[in-house]
Amino acid sequence: MVNILWAISTAAAVLLIILILLHSPKGDGIGGIGGASHVFASQKSAEKGLNKLTGIVCAVFIICTFLIGFGIVK
């Protein structure tokens, strides 16, 4: 069972890296000084779906890490 959790955790970690790299940058940069960063503040539906999928994969990774780390599953 631990081997299955390790495999799920590894797959979730790789998928999490890919999903985070797919996100669009949200940094204000120098445009945040004059308030120009709020002009393009709306999210598209694809971005919302990507946010939801990233949260789900993150939750799976955290749960697997806690189960392995605390030795709940043997």
C-alpha atoms as a PDB file:
ATOM      1  CA  MET A   1       0.000   0.000   0.000  1.00  0.00           C
ATOM      2  CA  VAL A   2       2.872   2.358   0.735  1.00  0.00           C
ATOM      3  CA  ASN A   3       4.280   1.757  -2.736  1.00  0.00           C
ATOM      4  CA  ILE A   4       0.966   2.773  -4.274  1.00  0.00           C
ATOM      5  CA  LEU A   5       0.943   5.968  -2.191  1.00  0.00           C
ATOM      6  CA  TRP A   6       4.510   6.722  -3.259  1.00  0.00           C
ATOM      7  CA  ALA A   7       3.519   6.300  -6.908  1.00  0.00           C
ATOM      8  CA  ILE A   8       0.458   8.537  -6.492  1.00  0.00           C
ATOM      9  CA  SER A   9       2.515  11.126  -4.617  1.00  0.00           C
ATOM     10  CA  THR A  10       5.224  11.156  -7.290  1.00  0.00           C
ATOM     11  CA  ALA A  11       2.682  11.437 -10.113  1.00  0.00           C
ATOM     12  CA  ALA A  12       0.874  14.230  -8.257  1.00  0.00           C
ATOM     13  CA  ALA A  13       4.149  16.088  -7.706  1.00  0.00           C
ATOM     14  CA  VAL A  14       5.080  15.940 -11.395  1.00  0.00           C
ATOM     15  CA  LEU A  15       1.549  16.930 -12.429  1.00  0.00           C
ATOM     16  CA  LEU A  16       1.586  19.769  -9.901  1.00  0.00           C
ATOM     17  CA  ILE A  17       4.812  21.153 -11.370  1.00  0.00           C
ATOM     18  CA  ILE A  18       3.332  21.038 -14.873  1.00  0.00           C
ATOM     19  CA  LEU A  19       0.059  22.656 -13.792  1.00  0.00           C
ATOM     20  CA  ILE A  20       1.813  25.464 -11.928  1.00  0.00           C
ATOM     21  CA  LEU A  21       3.972  26.192 -14.954  1.00  0.00           C
ATOM     22  CA  LEU A  22       0.833  26.388 -17.127  1.00  0.00           C
ATOM     23  CA  HIS A  23      -0.632  29.209 -15.032  1.00  0.00           C
ATOM     24  CA  SER A  24      -0.473  32.703 -16.417  1.00  0.00           C
ATOM     25  CA  PRO A  25       1.720  35.113 -14.483  1.00  0.00           C
ATOM     26  CA  LYS A  26      -0.232  37.291 -12.081  1.00  0.00           C
ATOM     27  CA  GLY A  27       2.565  39.550 -10.896  1.00  0.00           C
ATOM     28  CA  ASP A  28       1.840  43.242 -11.057  1.00  0.00           C
ATOM     29  CA  GLY A  29       5.372  44.229 -11.793  1.00  0.00           C
ATOM     30  CA  ILE A  30       5.955  47.903 -12.443  1.00  0.00           C
ATOM     31  CA  GLY A  31       2.374  48.315 -13.729  1.00  0.00           C
ATOM     32  CA  GLY A  32       1.064  47.880 -10.201  1.00  0.00           C
ATOM     33  CA  ILE A  33       2.404  51.261  -9.137  1.00  0.00           C
ATOM     34  CA  GLY A  34      -0.110  53.317 -11.094  1.00  0.00           C
ATOM     35  CA  GLY A  35      -3.021  50.932 -10.701  1.00  0.00           C
ATOM     36  CA  ALA A  36      -2.821  49.751 -14.317  1.00  0.00           C
ATOM     37  CA  SER A  37      -2.685  46.136 -13.194  1.00  0.00           C
ATOM     38  CA  HIS A  38      -6.415  46.089 -12.403  1.00  0.00           C
ATOM     39  CA  VAL A  39      -7.387  46.691 -16.020  1.00  0.00           C
ATOM     40  CA  PHE A  40      -6.868  43.056 -16.971  1.00  0.00           C
ATOM     41  CA  ALA A  41      -7.966  41.434 -13.695  1.00  0.00           C
ATOM     42  CA  SER A  42     -10.717  39.119 -15.040  1.00  0.00           C
ATOM     43  CA  GLN A  43     -10.051  35.379 -15.237  1.00  0.00           C
ATOM     44  CA  LYS A  44     -11.094  33.242 -18.147  1.00  0.00           C
ATOM     45  CA  SER A  45     -12.977  30.002 -17.613  1.00  0.00           C
ATOM     46  CA  ALA A  46      -9.905  28.009 -18.651  1.00  0.00           C
ATOM     47  CA  GLU A  47      -7.894  29.693 -15.918  1.00  0.00           C
ATOM     48  CA  LYS A  48     -10.601  28.935 -13.359  1.00  0.00           C
ATOM     49  CA  GLY A  49     -10.608  25.274 -14.383  1.00  0.00           C
ATOM     50  CA  LEU A  50      -6.837  25.177 -14.172  1.00  0.00           C
ATOM     51  CA  ASN A  51      -6.997  26.686 -10.675  1.00  0.00           C
ATOM     52  CA  LYS A  52      -9.502  24.047  -9.566  1.00  0.00           C
ATOM     53  CA  LEU A  53      -7.473  21.173 -11.034  1.00  0.00           C
ATOM     54  CA  THR A  54      -4.291  22.501  -9.409  1.00  0.00           C
ATOM     55  CA  GLY A  55      -6.052  22.650  -6.040  1.00  0.00           C
ATOM     56  CA  ILE A  56      -7.313  19.075  -6.361  1.00  0.00           C
ATOM     57  CA  VAL A  57      -3.881  17.729  -7.322  1.00  0.00           C
ATOM     58  CA  CYS A  58      -2.324  19.706  -4.464  1.00  0.00           C
ATOM     59  CA  ALA A  59      -4.807  18.198  -1.998  1.00  0.00           C
ATOM     60  CA  VAL A  60      -4.029  14.679  -3.268  1.00  0.00           C
ATOM     61  CA  PHE A  61      -0.304  15.334  -2.883  1.00  0.00           C
ATOM     62  CA  ILE A  62      -0.684  16.694   0.657  1.00  0.00           C
ATOM     63  CA  ILE A  63      -2.906  13.802   1.772  1.00  0.00           C
ATOM     64  CA  CYS A  64      -0.505  11.208   0.363  1.00  0.00           C
ATOM     65  CA  THR A  65       2.434  12.960   2.013  1.00  0.00           C
ATOM     66  CA  PHE A  66       0.721  12.975   5.415  1.00  0.00           C
ATOM     67  CA  LEU A  67      -0.318   9.334   5.121  1.00  0.00           C
ATOM     68  CA  ILE A  68       3.227   8.270   4.239  1.00  0.00           C
ATOM     69  CA  GLY A  69       4.915  10.623   6.708  1.00  0.00           C
ATOM     70  CA  PHE A  70       2.849   9.706   9.740  1.00  0.00           C
ATOM     71  CA  GLY A  71       2.955   6.008   8.922  1.00  0.00           C
ATOM     72  CA  ILE A  72      -0.825   5.636   8.945  1.00  0.00           C
ATOM     73  CA  VAL A  73      -0.764   3.253   5.995  1.00  0.00           C
ATOM     74  CA  LYS A  74       1.586   0.274   6.142  1.00  0.00           C
END
